C-alpha atoms as a PDB file:
ATOM      1  CA  UNK A   1       0.125   0.114   0.212  1.00  0.00           C
ATOM      2  CA  UNK A   2       1.280   3.617  -0.572  1.00  0.00           C
ATOM      3  CA  UNK A   3       1.967   5.500   1.977  1.00  0.00           C
ATOM      4  CA  UNK A   4       0.739   9.457   2.017  1.00  0.00           C
ATOM      5  CA  UNK A   5       1.529  12.487   4.494  1.00  0.00           C
ATOM      6  CA  UNK A   6      -2.005  14.863   4.926  1.00  0.00           C
ATOM      7  CA  UNK A   7      -0.299  17.249   2.293  1.00  0.00           C
ATOM      8  CA  UNK A   8       0.318  14.771  -0.259  1.00  0.00           C
ATOM      9  CA  UNK A   9      -2.996  13.675   0.230  1.00  0.00           C
ATOM     10  CA  UNK A  10      -4.140  17.363  -0.834  1.00  0.00           C
ATOM     11  CA  UNK A  11      -3.350  17.302  -4.152  1.00  0.00           C
ATOM     12  CA  UNK A  12      -5.428  14.044  -5.000  1.00  0.00           C
ATOM     13  CA  UNK A  13      -8.583  15.905  -5.205  1.00  0.00           C
ATOM     14  CA  UNK A  14      -9.717  15.261  -8.619  1.00  0.00           C
ATOM     15  CA  UNK A  15      -8.712  18.716 -10.046  1.00  0.00           C
ATOM     16  CA  UNK A  16      -5.978  18.729 -12.609  1.00  0.00           C
ATOM     17  CA  UNK A  17      -6.327  15.263 -14.295  1.00  0.00           C
ATOM     18  CA  UNK A  18      -5.593  13.795 -10.537  1.00  0.00           C
ATOM     19  CA  UNK A  19      -7.157  11.530  -9.220  1.00  0.00           C
ATOM     20  CA  UNK A  20     -10.092  11.526  -5.960  1.00  0.00           C
ATOM     21  CA  UNK A  21      -8.800  10.332  -3.015  1.00  0.00           C
ATOM     22  CA  UNK A  22      -9.974  10.792   0.763  1.00  0.00           C
ATOM     23  CA  UNK A  23      -8.484   9.315   4.160  1.00  0.00           C
ATOM     24  CA  UNK A  24     -10.729   8.154   7.139  1.00  0.00           C
ATOM     25  CA  UNK A  25      -9.135   6.648  10.169  1.00  0.00           C
ATOM     26  CA  UNK A  26      -5.647   6.266   8.631  1.00  0.00           C
ATOM     27  CA  UNK A  27      -6.550   4.445   5.811  1.00  0.00           C
ATOM     28  CA  UNK A  28      -7.014   6.383   2.371  1.00  0.00           C
ATOM     29  CA  UNK A  29      -9.502   5.132  -0.156  1.00  0.00           C
ATOM     30  CA  UNK A  30      -9.676   5.835  -4.304  1.00  0.00           C
ATOM     31  CA  UNK A  31     -13.607   7.290  -4.814  1.00  0.00           C
ATOM     32  CA  UNK A  32     -12.464   8.526  -8.270  1.00  0.00           C
ATOM     33  CA  UNK A  33     -14.877   6.561 -10.451  1.00  0.00           C
ATOM     34  CA  UNK A  34     -17.388   6.591  -7.316  1.00  0.00           C
ATOM     35  CA  UNK A  35     -20.465   8.323  -8.802  1.00  0.00           C
ATOM     36  CA  UNK A  36     -21.433  10.100  -5.485  1.00  0.00           C
ATOM     37  CA  UNK A  37     -18.182  11.934  -5.862  1.00  0.00           C
ATOM     38  CA  UNK A  38     -18.442  13.629  -9.251  1.00  0.00           C
ATOM     39  CA  UNK A  39     -15.647  16.403  -9.486  1.00  0.00           C
ATOM     40  CA  UNK A  40     -14.027  15.349  -6.165  1.00  0.00           C
ATOM     41  CA  UNK A  41     -17.251  16.338  -4.508  1.00  0.00           C
ATOM     42  CA  UNK A  42     -19.919  14.644  -2.126  1.00  0.00           C
ATOM     43  CA  UNK A  43     -22.380  16.702  -0.348  1.00  0.00           C
ATOM     44  CA  UNK A  44     -19.928  19.651   0.510  1.00  0.00           C
ATOM     45  CA  UNK A  45     -16.987  17.469   1.541  1.00  0.00           C
ATOM     46  CA  UNK A  46     -13.819  17.319  -1.017  1.00  0.00           C
ATOM     47  CA  UNK A  47     -11.997  15.009  -2.141  1.00  0.00           C
ATOM     48  CA  UNK A  48      -7.830  15.230  -0.840  1.00  0.00           C
ATOM     49  CA  UNK A  49      -9.050  15.251   3.022  1.00  0.00           C
ATOM     50  CA  UNK A  50      -9.304  13.316   5.672  1.00  0.00           C
ATOM     51  CA  UNK A  51     -13.105  12.938   6.117  1.00  0.00           C
ATOM     52  CA  UNK A  52     -12.906  11.073   9.633  1.00  0.00           C
ATOM     53  CA  UNK A  53     -14.522  13.018  11.568  1.00  0.00           C
ATOM     54  CA  UNK A  54     -17.359  14.310   8.954  1.00  0.00           C
ATOM     55  CA  UNK A  55     -18.429  10.730   8.312  1.00  0.00           C
ATOM     56  CA  UNK A  56     -18.612   9.750  11.892  1.00  0.00           C
ATOM     57  CA  UNK A  57     -20.463  12.851  13.246  1.00  0.00           C
ATOM     58  CA  UNK A  58     -22.489  14.109  10.367  1.00  0.00           C
ATOM     59  CA  UNK A  59     -22.657  11.338   7.910  1.00  0.00           C
ATOM     60  CA  UNK A  60     -26.111   9.405   7.813  1.00  0.00           C
ATOM     61  CA  UNK A  61     -24.825   6.618   6.694  1.00  0.00           C
ATOM     62  CA  UNK A  62     -21.238   6.221   8.917  1.00  0.00           C
ATOM     63  CA  UNK A  63     -18.677   3.705   7.602  1.00  0.00           C
ATOM     64  CA  UNK A  64     -21.132   1.298   6.057  1.00  0.00           C
ATOM     65  CA  UNK A  65     -20.088   2.469   2.622  1.00  0.00           C
ATOM     66  CA  UNK A  66     -16.176   2.133   2.976  1.00  0.00           C
ATOM     67  CA  UNK A  67     -16.697  -1.257   2.363  1.00  0.00           C
ATOM     68  CA  UNK A  68     -17.346  -0.935  -1.353  1.00  0.00           C
ATOM     69  CA  UNK A  69     -14.478   1.687  -1.853  1.00  0.00           C
ATOM     70  CA  UNK A  70     -11.185   0.409  -2.561  1.00  0.00           C
ATOM     71  CA  UNK A  71      -8.325   1.156  -0.038  1.00  0.00           C
ATOM     72  CA  UNK A  72      -5.106   2.049  -1.608  1.00  0.00           C
ATOM     73  CA  UNK A  73      -3.102   3.346   0.935  1.00  0.00           C
ATOM     74  CA  UNK A  74      -2.344   4.789   4.268  1.00  0.00           C
ATOM     75  CA  UNK A  75      -1.452   7.844   6.343  1.00  0.00           C
ATOM     76  CA  UNK A  76       1.899   7.942   7.156  1.00  0.00           C
ATOM     77  CA  UNK A  77       2.690  10.064  10.411  1.00  0.00           C
END
């Protein structure tokens, strides 16, 4: 698995031809081809960020959706 810093993750925001990645609890997921993440955006949340807090504190579905998304890396300290 590829390792990312939070700073490196920022460029994976679906802009300028980059793929769209999100981080949750230290794991990095590829949402590039996920229909819910058009142009790197999902209900006001942007790819390229750690979405742990919003997923667990604002999302109606919690982490149940992560099982459908491919993990491609981890956040390194």
